[in-house]
Amino acid sequence: MKLKAMSKSQDSIPPVEAQSVAKQDQVSPVATIYDASLSSVFWRNFLAGVARGLGGILINVIFLLFISLVVMNWLLPRVQPLFDTYQKAINSLDGIGQTTQRFTLPN
C-alpha cells in the first residue's frame, strides 16, 4: 500500500522546466545540462578547453614580448659596455695565443 502511494506522488511531480533552473545549469533555453546529450556536452567542453588553451598561449606570448621589449630597450643598453669589454678581452687572449704559436720553444 505504501509503495503505491509513493509511486502516485512521484508521478504527480511535474518535470523541471528550464526557466526554473539556475542559469549556469542551462544548456539552452529549453534544456538543462541534465537533459543534454553526451555529444553536445562533450563538444561544448572541448571547445571551452581549446579556447582556454589558446587564451593561455596568447597571454604567455604577450608577456614574453613585453619582457623582451623591456630587456632590449632598458637592460641591454646598460650592460652593453660590459659585453664590449668582455669581447675585447677575448680578442686580446686570442692574439696572445697566436703570437705564442709563431715562436717555437726550445726543449
PDB file of N, CA and C in Angstrom:
ATOM      1  N   MET A   1       0.815  -1.188   0.000  1.00  0.00           N
ATOM      2  CA  MET A   1       0.000   0.000   0.000  1.00  0.00           C
ATOM      3  C   MET A   1       0.866   1.262   0.000  1.00  0.00           C
ATOM      4  N   LYS A   2       1.858   1.216   0.810  1.00  0.00           N
ATOM      5  CA  LYS A   2       2.729   2.366   0.907  1.00  0.00           C
ATOM      6  C   LYS A   2       3.453   2.619  -0.416  1.00  0.00           C
ATOM      7  N   LEU A   3       3.844   1.557  -1.111  1.00  0.00           N
ATOM      8  CA  LEU A   3       4.546   1.701  -2.377  1.00  0.00           C
ATOM      9  C   LEU A   3       3.673   2.348  -3.427  1.00  0.00           C
ATOM     10  N   LYS A   4       2.426   1.990  -3.466  1.00  0.00           N
ATOM     11  CA  LYS A   4       1.513   2.591  -4.427  1.00  0.00           C
ATOM     12  C   LYS A   4       1.364   4.083  -4.161  1.00  0.00           C
ATOM     13  N   ALA A   5       1.269   4.445  -2.917  1.00  0.00           N
ATOM     14  CA  ALA A   5       1.104   5.863  -2.573  1.00  0.00           C
ATOM     15  C   ALA A   5       2.354   6.645  -2.970  1.00  0.00           C
ATOM     16  N   MET A   6       3.535   6.029  -2.779  1.00  0.00           N
ATOM     17  CA  MET A   6       4.776   6.706  -3.123  1.00  0.00           C
ATOM     18  C   MET A   6       4.891   6.883  -4.641  1.00  0.00           C
ATOM     19  N   SER A   7       4.511   5.858  -5.390  1.00  0.00           N
ATOM     20  CA  SER A   7       4.612   5.958  -6.841  1.00  0.00           C
ATOM     21  C   SER A   7       3.612   6.981  -7.377  1.00  0.00           C
ATOM     22  N   LYS A   8       2.459   7.087  -6.767  1.00  0.00           N
ATOM     23  CA  LYS A   8       1.500   8.096  -7.184  1.00  0.00           C
ATOM     24  C   LYS A   8       2.050   9.501  -6.969  1.00  0.00           C
ATOM     25  N   SER A   9       2.700   9.709  -5.840  1.00  0.00           N
ATOM     26  CA  SER A   9       3.229  11.051  -5.564  1.00  0.00           C
ATOM     27  C   SER A   9       4.391  11.371  -6.513  1.00  0.00           C
ATOM     28  N   GLN A  10       5.175  10.379  -6.902  1.00  0.00           N
ATOM     29  CA  GLN A  10       6.266  10.620  -7.838  1.00  0.00           C
ATOM     30  C   GLN A  10       5.737  10.914  -9.233  1.00  0.00           C
ATOM     31  N   ASP A  11       4.648  10.281  -9.612  1.00  0.00           N
ATOM     32  CA  ASP A  11       4.062  10.539 -10.920  1.00  0.00           C
ATOM     33  C   ASP A  11       3.469  11.935 -11.003  1.00  0.00           C
ATOM     34  N   SER A  12       3.055  12.468  -9.899  1.00  0.00           N
ATOM     35  CA  SER A  12       2.411  13.778  -9.917  1.00  0.00           C
ATOM     36  C   SER A  12       3.423  14.930  -9.905  1.00  0.00           C
ATOM     37  N   ILE A  13       4.746  14.612  -9.753  1.00  0.00           N
ATOM     38  CA  ILE A  13       5.766  15.667  -9.763  1.00  0.00           C
ATOM     39  C   ILE A  13       5.944  16.155 -11.198  1.00  0.00           C
ATOM     40  N   PRO A  14       5.767  17.436 -11.438  1.00  0.00           N
ATOM     41  CA  PRO A  14       5.915  17.926 -12.807  1.00  0.00           C
ATOM     42  C   PRO A  14       7.389  17.943 -13.219  1.00  0.00           C
ATOM     43  N   PRO A  15       7.663  17.790 -14.502  1.00  0.00           N
ATOM     44  CA  PRO A  15       9.058  17.837 -14.949  1.00  0.00           C
ATOM     45  C   PRO A  15       9.631  19.243 -14.765  1.00  0.00           C
ATOM     46  N   VAL A  16      10.933  19.303 -14.582  1.00  0.00           N
ATOM     47  CA  VAL A  16      11.606  20.582 -14.360  1.00  0.00           C
ATOM     48  C   VAL A  16      11.657  21.349 -15.676  1.00  0.00           C
ATOM     49  N   GLU A  17      11.239  22.573 -15.642  1.00  0.00           N
ATOM     50  CA  GLU A  17      11.323  23.413 -16.832  1.00  0.00           C
ATOM     51  C   GLU A  17      12.606  24.220 -16.767  1.00  0.00           C
ATOM     52  N   ALA A  18      13.148  24.551 -17.923  1.00  0.00           N
ATOM     53  CA  ALA A  18      14.432  25.243 -17.975  1.00  0.00           C
ATOM     54  C   ALA A  18      14.372  26.625 -17.347  1.00  0.00           C
ATOM     55  N   GLN A  19      13.208  27.263 -17.337  1.00  0.00           N
ATOM     56  CA  GLN A  19      13.112  28.605 -16.763  1.00  0.00           C
ATOM     57  C   GLN A  19      13.268  28.588 -15.251  1.00  0.00           C
ATOM     58  N   SER A  20      12.967  27.456 -14.609  1.00  0.00           N
ATOM     59  CA  SER A  20      13.066  27.387 -13.161  1.00  0.00           C
ATOM     60  C   SER A  20      14.435  26.898 -12.696  1.00  0.00           C
ATOM     61  N   VAL A  21      15.360  26.666 -13.616  1.00  0.00           N
ATOM     62  CA  VAL A  21      16.690  26.162 -13.295  1.00  0.00           C
ATOM     63  C   VAL A  21      17.674  27.321 -13.336  1.00  0.00           C
ATOM     64  N   ALA A  22      18.699  27.239 -12.526  1.00  0.00           N
ATOM     65  CA  ALA A  22      19.711  28.296 -12.490  1.00  0.00           C
ATOM     66  C   ALA A  22      20.371  28.453 -13.850  1.00  0.00           C
ATOM     67  N   LYS A  23      20.814  29.677 -14.167  1.00  0.00           N
ATOM     68  CA  LYS A  23      21.392  29.975 -15.485  1.00  0.00           C
ATOM     69  C   LYS A  23      22.607  29.100 -15.807  1.00  0.00           C
ATOM     70  N   GLN A  24      23.479  28.822 -14.832  1.00  0.00           N
ATOM     71  CA  GLN A  24      24.681  28.043 -15.112  1.00  0.00           C
ATOM     72  C   GLN A  24      24.370  26.584 -15.416  1.00  0.00           C
ATOM     73  N   ASP A  25      23.171  26.111 -15.077  1.00  0.00           N
ATOM     74  CA  ASP A  25      22.788  24.732 -15.371  1.00  0.00           C
ATOM     75  C   ASP A  25      22.040  24.609 -16.690  1.00  0.00           C
ATOM     76  N   GLN A  26      21.801  25.706 -17.392  1.00  0.00           N
ATOM     77  CA  GLN A  26      21.056  25.654 -18.639  1.00  0.00           C
ATOM     78  C   GLN A  26      21.995  25.507 -19.826  1.00  0.00           C
ATOM     79  N   VAL A  27      21.750  24.543 -20.678  1.00  0.00           N
ATOM     80  CA  VAL A  27      22.495  24.374 -21.922  1.00  0.00           C
ATOM     81  C   VAL A  27      21.885  25.263 -22.987  1.00  0.00           C
ATOM     82  N   SER A  28      20.586  25.324 -23.012  1.00  0.00           N
ATOM     83  CA  SER A  28      19.846  26.201 -23.917  1.00  0.00           C
ATOM     84  C   SER A  28      18.579  26.621 -23.178  1.00  0.00           C
ATOM     85  N   PRO A  29      17.774  27.519 -23.744  1.00  0.00           N
ATOM     86  CA  PRO A  29      16.565  27.953 -23.025  1.00  0.00           C
ATOM     87  C   PRO A  29      15.554  26.836 -22.767  1.00  0.00           C
ATOM     88  N   VAL A  30      15.651  25.733 -23.503  1.00  0.00           N
ATOM     89  CA  VAL A  30      14.662  24.668 -23.319  1.00  0.00           C
ATOM     90  C   VAL A  30      15.254  23.394 -22.723  1.00  0.00           C
ATOM     91  N   ALA A  31      16.577  23.333 -22.507  1.00  0.00           N
ATOM     92  CA  ALA A  31      17.192  22.112 -21.979  1.00  0.00           C
ATOM     93  C   ALA A  31      18.188  22.454 -20.879  1.00  0.00           C
ATOM     94  N   THR A  32      18.282  21.602 -19.897  1.00  0.00           N
ATOM     95  CA  THR A  32      19.282  21.761 -18.846  1.00  0.00           C
ATOM     96  C   THR A  32      20.455  20.839 -19.141  1.00  0.00           C
ATOM     97  N   ILE A  33      21.507  20.930 -18.339  1.00  0.00           N
ATOM     98  CA  ILE A  33      22.651  20.045 -18.560  1.00  0.00           C
ATOM     99  C   ILE A  33      22.290  18.589 -18.298  1.00  0.00           C
ATOM    100  N   TYR A  34      21.208  18.382 -17.564  1.00  0.00           N
ATOM    101  CA  TYR A  34      20.788  17.010 -17.269  1.00  0.00           C
ATOM    102  C   TYR A  34      19.998  16.409 -18.428  1.00  0.00           C
ATOM    103  N   ASP A  35      19.439  17.264 -19.283  1.00  0.00           N
ATOM    104  CA  ASP A  35      18.681  16.796 -20.444  1.00  0.00           C
ATOM    105  C   ASP A  35      19.523  16.758 -21.710  1.00  0.00           C
ATOM    106  N   ALA A  36      20.704  17.342 -21.698  1.00  0.00           N
ATOM    107  CA  ALA A  36      21.531  17.455 -22.904  1.00  0.00           C
ATOM    108  C   ALA A  36      22.146  16.103 -23.253  1.00  0.00           C
ATOM    109  N   SER A  37      22.434  15.936 -24.533  1.00  0.00           N
ATOM    110  CA  SER A  37      23.036  14.682 -24.971  1.00  0.00           C
ATOM    111  C   SER A  37      24.525  14.680 -24.639  1.00  0.00           C
ATOM    112  N   LEU A  38      25.099  13.495 -24.653  1.00  0.00           N
ATOM    113  CA  LEU A  38      26.517  13.336 -24.331  1.00  0.00           C
ATOM    114  C   LEU A  38      27.397  14.072 -25.329  1.00  0.00           C
ATOM    115  N   SER A  39      27.034  14.005 -26.605  1.00  0.00           N
ATOM    116  CA  SER A  39      27.871  14.656 -27.619  1.00  0.00           C
ATOM    117  C   SER A  39      27.839  16.170 -27.488  1.00  0.00           C
ATOM    118  N   SER A  40      26.697  16.751 -27.165  1.00  0.00           N
ATOM    119  CA  SER A  40      26.649  18.211 -27.026  1.00  0.00           C
ATOM    120  C   SER A  40      27.455  18.675 -25.815  1.00  0.00           C
ATOM    121  N   VAL A  41      27.406  17.926 -24.732  1.00  0.00           N
ATOM    122  CA  VAL A  41      28.208  18.276 -23.554  1.00  0.00           C
ATOM    123  C   VAL A  41      29.693  18.131 -23.873  1.00  0.00           C
ATOM    124  N   PHE A  42      30.057  17.046 -24.582  1.00  0.00           N
ATOM    125  CA  PHE A  42      31.459  16.836 -24.933  1.00  0.00           C
ATOM    126  C   PHE A  42      31.976  17.975 -25.796  1.00  0.00           C
ATOM    127  N   TRP A  43      31.246  18.328 -26.865  1.00  0.00           N
ATOM    128  CA  TRP A  43      31.740  19.358 -27.784  1.00  0.00           C
ATOM    129  C   TRP A  43      31.790  20.726 -27.129  1.00  0.00           C
ATOM    130  N   ARG A  44      30.836  21.034 -26.272  1.00  0.00           N
ATOM    131  CA  ARG A  44      30.880  22.321 -25.563  1.00  0.00           C
ATOM    132  C   ARG A  44      32.096  22.382 -24.635  1.00  0.00           C
ATOM    133  N   ASN A  45      32.357  21.309 -23.925  1.00  0.00           N
ATOM    134  CA  ASN A  45      33.518  21.295 -23.030  1.00  0.00           C
ATOM    135  C   ASN A  45      34.826  21.259 -23.817  1.00  0.00           C
ATOM    136  N   PHE A  46      34.832  20.549 -24.942  1.00  0.00           N
ATOM    137  CA  PHE A  46      36.022  20.506 -25.786  1.00  0.00           C
ATOM    138  C   PHE A  46      36.353  21.898 -26.315  1.00  0.00           C
ATOM    139  N   LEU A  47      35.369  22.584 -26.841  1.00  0.00           N
ATOM    140  CA  LEU A  47      35.596  23.939 -27.356  1.00  0.00           C
ATOM    141  C   LEU A  47      35.990  24.904 -26.249  1.00  0.00           C
ATOM    142  N   ALA A  48      35.408  24.747 -25.078  1.00  0.00           N
ATOM    143  CA  ALA A  48      35.789  25.605 -23.958  1.00  0.00           C
ATOM    144  C   ALA A  48      37.245  25.352 -23.568  1.00  0.00           C
ATOM    145  N   GLY A  49      37.680  24.096 -23.579  1.00  0.00           N
ATOM    146  CA  GLY A  49      39.076  23.783 -23.252  1.00  0.00           C
ATOM    147  C   GLY A  49      40.045  24.311 -24.291  1.00  0.00           C
ATOM    148  N   VAL A  50      39.680  24.195 -25.571  1.00  0.00           N
ATOM    149  CA  VAL A  50      40.542  24.720 -26.639  1.00  0.00           C
ATOM    150  C   VAL A  50      40.659  26.240 -26.512  1.00  0.00           C
ATOM    151  N   ALA A  51      39.541  26.901 -26.263  1.00  0.00           N
ATOM    152  CA  ALA A  51      39.565  28.353 -26.113  1.00  0.00           C
ATOM    153  C   ALA A  51      40.413  28.761 -24.916  1.00  0.00           C
ATOM    154  N   ARG A  52      40.317  28.019 -23.841  1.00  0.00           N
ATOM    155  CA  ARG A  52      41.122  28.337 -22.661  1.00  0.00           C
ATOM    156  C   ARG A  52      42.607  28.130 -22.943  1.00  0.00           C
ATOM    157  N   GLY A  53      42.945  27.049 -23.653  1.00  0.00           N
ATOM    158  CA  GLY A  53      44.345  26.793 -24.001  1.00  0.00           C
ATOM    159  C   GLY A  53      44.916  27.855 -24.915  1.00  0.00           C
ATOM    160  N   LEU A  54      44.158  28.236 -25.951  1.00  0.00           N
ATOM    161  CA  LEU A  54      44.635  29.280 -26.866  1.00  0.00           C
ATOM    162  C   LEU A  54      44.752  30.626 -26.159  1.00  0.00           C
ATOM    163  N   GLY A  55      43.844  30.901 -25.254  1.00  0.00           N
ATOM    164  CA  GLY A  55      43.928  32.136 -24.475  1.00  0.00           C
ATOM    165  C   GLY A  55      45.171  32.161 -23.601  1.00  0.00           C
ATOM    166  N   GLY A  56      45.500  31.021 -23.000  1.00  0.00           N
ATOM    167  CA  GLY A  56      46.712  30.943 -22.175  1.00  0.00           C
ATOM    168  C   GLY A  56      47.972  31.141 -23.005  1.00  0.00           C
ATOM    169  N   ILE A  57      47.996  30.552 -24.198  1.00  0.00           N
ATOM    170  CA  ILE A  57      49.149  30.726 -25.086  1.00  0.00           C
ATOM    171  C   ILE A  57      49.285  32.186 -25.486  1.00  0.00           C
ATOM    172  N   LEU A  58      48.168  32.819 -25.825  1.00  0.00           N
ATOM    173  CA  LEU A  58      48.197  34.225 -26.224  1.00  0.00           C
ATOM    174  C   LEU A  58      48.704  35.115 -25.093  1.00  0.00           C
ATOM    175  N   ILE A  59      48.253  34.879 -23.884  1.00  0.00           N
ATOM    176  CA  ILE A  59      48.705  35.670 -22.737  1.00  0.00           C
ATOM    177  C   ILE A  59      50.199  35.461 -22.511  1.00  0.00           C
ATOM    178  N   ASN A  60      50.684  34.225 -22.635  1.00  0.00           N
ATOM    179  CA  ASN A  60      52.112  33.967 -22.458  1.00  0.00           C
ATOM    180  C   ASN A  60      52.955  34.645 -23.531  1.00  0.00           C
ATOM    181  N   VAL A  61      52.484  34.642 -24.771  1.00  0.00           N
ATOM    182  CA  VAL A  61      53.221  35.311 -25.852  1.00  0.00           C
ATOM    183  C   VAL A  61      53.286  36.810 -25.603  1.00  0.00           C
ATOM    184  N   ILE A  62      52.173  37.401 -25.191  1.00  0.00           N
ATOM    185  CA  ILE A  62      52.166  38.837 -24.891  1.00  0.00           C
ATOM    186  C   ILE A  62      53.126  39.142 -23.750  1.00  0.00           C
ATOM    187  N   PHE A  63      53.142  38.300 -22.730  1.00  0.00           N
ATOM    188  CA  PHE A  63      54.041  38.507 -21.592  1.00  0.00           C
ATOM    189  C   PHE A  63      55.505  38.415 -22.026  1.00  0.00           C
ATOM    190  N   LEU A  64      55.848  37.413 -22.846  1.00  0.00           N
ATOM    191  CA  LEU A  64      57.230  37.269 -23.304  1.00  0.00           C
ATOM    192  C   LEU A  64      57.647  38.424 -24.210  1.00  0.00           C
ATOM    193  N   LEU A  65      56.738  38.918 -25.041  1.00  0.00           N
ATOM    194  CA  LEU A  65      57.047  40.083 -25.867  1.00  0.00           C
ATOM    195  C   LEU A  65      57.303  41.315 -25.005  1.00  0.00           C
ATOM    196  N   PHE A  66      56.533  41.486 -23.964  1.00  0.00           N
ATOM    197  CA  PHE A  66      56.734  42.613 -23.057  1.00  0.00           C
ATOM    198  C   PHE A  66      58.079  42.514 -22.348  1.00  0.00           C
ATOM    199  N   ILE A  67      58.421  41.326 -21.868  1.00  0.00           N
ATOM    200  CA  ILE A  67      59.704  41.135 -21.180  1.00  0.00           C
ATOM    201  C   ILE A  67      60.865  41.382 -22.146  1.00  0.00           C
ATOM    202  N   SER A  68      60.763  40.881 -23.376  1.00  0.00           N
ATOM    203  CA  SER A  68      61.849  41.106 -24.333  1.00  0.00           C
ATOM    204  C   SER A  68      61.955  42.575 -24.703  1.00  0.00           C
ATOM    205  N   LEU A  69      60.847  43.288 -24.778  1.00  0.00           N
ATOM    206  CA  LEU A  69      60.875  44.721 -25.049  1.00  0.00           C
ATOM    207  C   LEU A  69      61.603  45.471 -23.926  1.00  0.00           C
ATOM    208  N   VAL A  70      61.317  45.096 -22.694  1.00  0.00           N
ATOM    209  CA  VAL A  70      61.982  45.734 -21.549  1.00  0.00           C
ATOM    210  C   VAL A  70      63.471  45.439 -21.573  1.00  0.00           C
ATOM    211  N   VAL A  71      63.839  44.194 -21.865  1.00  0.00           N
ATOM    212  CA  VAL A  71      65.258  43.829 -21.876  1.00  0.00           C
ATOM    213  C   VAL A  71      65.986  44.561 -22.995  1.00  0.00           C
ATOM    214  N   MET A  72      65.408  44.611 -24.184  1.00  0.00           N
ATOM    215  CA  MET A  72      66.077  45.238 -25.328  1.00  0.00           C
ATOM    216  C   MET A  72      66.197  46.758 -25.180  1.00  0.00           C
ATOM    217  N   ASN A  73      65.204  47.391 -24.611  1.00  0.00           N
ATOM    218  CA  ASN A  73      65.218  48.851 -24.535  1.00  0.00           C
ATOM    219  C   ASN A  73      65.806  49.398 -23.247  1.00  0.00           C
ATOM    220  N   TRP A  74      65.752  48.661 -22.167  1.00  0.00           N
ATOM    221  CA  TRP A  74      66.213  49.208 -20.904  1.00  0.00           C
ATOM    222  C   TRP A  74      67.472  48.517 -20.386  1.00  0.00           C
ATOM    223  N   LEU A  75      67.490  47.206 -20.378  1.00  0.00           N
ATOM    224  CA  LEU A  75      68.594  46.471 -19.762  1.00  0.00           C
ATOM    225  C   LEU A  75      69.803  46.359 -20.677  1.00  0.00           C
ATOM    226  N   LEU A  76      69.605  46.078 -21.937  1.00  0.00           N
ATOM    227  CA  LEU A  76      70.720  45.862 -22.858  1.00  0.00           C
ATOM    228  C   LEU A  76      71.615  47.091 -23.020  1.00  0.00           C
ATOM    229  N   PRO A  77      71.081  48.307 -23.149  1.00  0.00           N
ATOM    230  CA  PRO A  77      71.984  49.463 -23.241  1.00  0.00           C
ATOM    231  C   PRO A  77      72.849  49.657 -21.990  1.00  0.00           C
ATOM    232  N   ARG A  78      72.393  49.217 -20.844  1.00  0.00           N
ATOM    233  CA  ARG A  78      73.158  49.386 -19.603  1.00  0.00           C
ATOM    234  C   ARG A  78      74.271  48.345 -19.460  1.00  0.00           C
ATOM    235  N   VAL A  79      74.084  47.163 -20.042  1.00  0.00           N
ATOM    236  CA  VAL A  79      75.105  46.122 -19.909  1.00  0.00           C
ATOM    237  C   VAL A  79      75.938  45.966 -21.181  1.00  0.00           C
ATOM    238  N   GLN A  80      75.643  46.711 -22.226  1.00  0.00           N
ATOM    239  CA  GLN A  80      76.397  46.610 -23.474  1.00  0.00           C
ATOM    240  C   GLN A  80      77.875  46.945 -23.295  1.00  0.00           C
ATOM    241  N   PRO A  81      78.243  47.994 -22.510  1.00  0.00           N
ATOM    242  CA  PRO A  81      79.675  48.240 -22.291  1.00  0.00           C
ATOM    243  C   PRO A  81      80.397  47.053 -21.643  1.00  0.00           C
ATOM    244  N   LEU A  82      79.713  46.344 -20.786  1.00  0.00           N
ATOM    245  CA  LEU A  82      80.308  45.172 -20.159  1.00  0.00           C
ATOM    246  C   LEU A  82      80.572  44.086 -21.198  1.00  0.00           C
ATOM    247  N   PHE A  83      79.621  43.884 -22.113  1.00  0.00           N
ATOM    248  CA  PHE A  83      79.824  42.908 -23.185  1.00  0.00           C
ATOM    249  C   PHE A  83      80.961  43.331 -24.114  1.00  0.00           C
ATOM    250  N   ASP A  84      81.093  44.636 -24.377  1.00  0.00           N
ATOM    251  CA  ASP A  84      82.181  45.117 -25.231  1.00  0.00           C
ATOM    252  C   ASP A  84      83.540  44.853 -24.582  1.00  0.00           C
ATOM    253  N   THR A  85      83.625  45.081 -23.278  1.00  0.00           N
ATOM    254  CA  THR A  85      84.876  44.822 -22.556  1.00  0.00           C
ATOM    255  C   THR A  85      85.208  43.326 -22.592  1.00  0.00           C
ATOM    256  N   TYR A  86      84.218  42.513 -22.415  1.00  0.00           N
ATOM    257  CA  TYR A  86      84.415  41.067 -22.469  1.00  0.00           C
ATOM    258  C   TYR A  86      84.913  40.642 -23.853  1.00  0.00           C
ATOM    259  N   GLN A  87      84.329  41.217 -24.916  1.00  0.00           N
ATOM    260  CA  GLN A  87      84.739  40.881 -26.280  1.00  0.00           C
ATOM    261  C   GLN A  87      86.182  41.314 -26.549  1.00  0.00           C
ATOM    262  N   LYS A  88      86.570  42.489 -26.033  1.00  0.00           N
ATOM    263  CA  LYS A  88      87.953  42.948 -26.200  1.00  0.00           C
ATOM    264  C   LYS A  88      88.917  42.017 -25.476  1.00  0.00           C
ATOM    265  N   ALA A  89      88.539  41.544 -24.293  1.00  0.00           N
ATOM    266  CA  ALA A  89      89.398  40.629 -23.539  1.00  0.00           C
ATOM    267  C   ALA A  89      89.559  39.309 -24.288  1.00  0.00           C
ATOM    268  N   ILE A  90      88.510  38.812 -24.873  1.00  0.00           N
ATOM    269  CA  ILE A  90      88.584  37.563 -25.656  1.00  0.00           C
ATOM    270  C   ILE A  90      89.505  37.761 -26.856  1.00  0.00           C
ATOM    271  N   ASN A  91      89.337  38.879 -27.554  1.00  0.00           N
ATOM    272  CA  ASN A  91      90.180  39.149 -28.730  1.00  0.00           C
ATOM    273  C   ASN A  91      91.655  39.268 -28.349  1.00  0.00           C
ATOM    274  N   SER A  92      91.966  39.917 -27.226  1.00  0.00           N
ATOM    275  CA  SER A  92      93.361  40.038 -26.821  1.00  0.00           C
ATOM    276  C   SER A  92      93.940  38.682 -26.411  1.00  0.00           C
ATOM    277  N   LEU A  93      93.129  37.826 -25.784  1.00  0.00           N
ATOM    278  CA  LEU A  93      93.603  36.485 -25.431  1.00  0.00           C
ATOM    279  C   LEU A  93      93.842  35.651 -26.683  1.00  0.00           C
ATOM    280  N   ASP A  94      93.003  35.815 -27.705  1.00  0.00           N
ATOM    281  CA  ASP A  94      93.230  35.125 -28.972  1.00  0.00           C
ATOM    282  C   ASP A  94      94.529  35.602 -29.607  1.00  0.00           C
ATOM    283  N   GLY A  95      94.810  36.893 -29.504  1.00  0.00           N
ATOM    284  CA  GLY A  95      96.054  37.439 -30.054  1.00  0.00           C
ATOM    285  C   GLY A  95      97.279  36.894 -29.343  1.00  0.00           C
ATOM    286  N   ILE A  96      97.184  36.706 -28.032  1.00  0.00           N
ATOM    287  CA  ILE A  96      98.301  36.141 -27.275  1.00  0.00           C
ATOM    288  C   ILE A  96      98.538  34.700 -27.707  1.00  0.00           C
ATOM    289  N   GLY A  97      97.478  33.947 -27.940  1.00  0.00           N
ATOM    290  CA  GLY A  97      97.620  32.558 -28.374  1.00  0.00           C
ATOM    291  C   GLY A  97      98.258  32.468 -29.744  1.00  0.00           C
ATOM    292  N   GLN A  98      97.970  33.399 -30.619  1.00  0.00           N
ATOM    293  CA  GLN A  98      98.547  33.375 -31.962  1.00  0.00           C
ATOM    294  C   GLN A  98     100.029  33.736 -31.936  1.00  0.00           C
ATOM    295  N   THR A  99     100.438  34.661 -31.079  1.00  0.00           N
ATOM    296  CA  THR A  99     101.851  35.028 -31.025  1.00  0.00           C
ATOM    297  C   THR A  99     102.692  33.913 -30.423  1.00  0.00           C
ATOM    298  N   THR A 100     102.196  33.159 -29.495  1.00  0.00           N
ATOM    299  CA  THR A 100     102.975  32.067 -28.910  1.00  0.00           C
ATOM    300  C   THR A 100     103.085  30.902 -29.878  1.00  0.00           C
ATOM    301  N   GLN A 101     102.168  30.758 -30.789  1.00  0.00           N
ATOM    302  CA  GLN A 101     102.252  29.672 -31.753  1.00  0.00           C
ATOM    303  C   GLN A 101     103.301  29.964 -32.809  1.00  0.00           C
ATOM    304  N   ARG A 102     103.614  31.218 -33.067  1.00  0.00           N
ATOM    305  CA  ARG A 102     104.631  31.563 -34.085  1.00  0.00           C
ATOM    306  C   ARG A 102     106.034  31.222 -33.607  1.00  0.00           C
ATOM    307  N   PHE A 103     106.255  31.325 -32.323  1.00  0.00           N
ATOM    308  CA  PHE A 103     107.574  31.048 -31.772  1.00  0.00           C
ATOM    309  C   PHE A 103     107.613  29.627 -31.229  1.00  0.00           C
ATOM    310  N   THR A 104     108.653  28.929 -31.579  1.00  0.00           N
ATOM    311  CA  THR A 104     108.804  27.580 -31.042  1.00  0.00           C
ATOM    312  C   THR A 104     109.674  27.655 -29.805  1.00  0.00           C
ATOM    313  N   LEU A 105     109.267  26.978 -28.822  1.00  0.00           N
ATOM    314  CA  LEU A 105     110.002  26.967 -27.549  1.00  0.00           C
ATOM    315  C   LEU A 105     111.071  25.871 -27.590  1.00  0.00           C
ATOM    316  N   PRO A 106     112.249  26.161 -27.062  1.00  0.00           N
ATOM    317  CA  PRO A 106     113.280  25.118 -27.019  1.00  0.00           C
ATOM    318  C   PRO A 106     112.926  24.025 -26.028  1.00  0.00           C
ATOM    319  N   ASN A 107     113.330  22.820 -26.354  1.00  0.00           N
ATOM    320  CA  ASN A 107     113.049  21.692 -25.446  1.00  0.00           C
ATOM    321  C   ASN A 107     114.057  21.622 -24.368  1.00  0.00           C
TER     322      ASN A 107
END
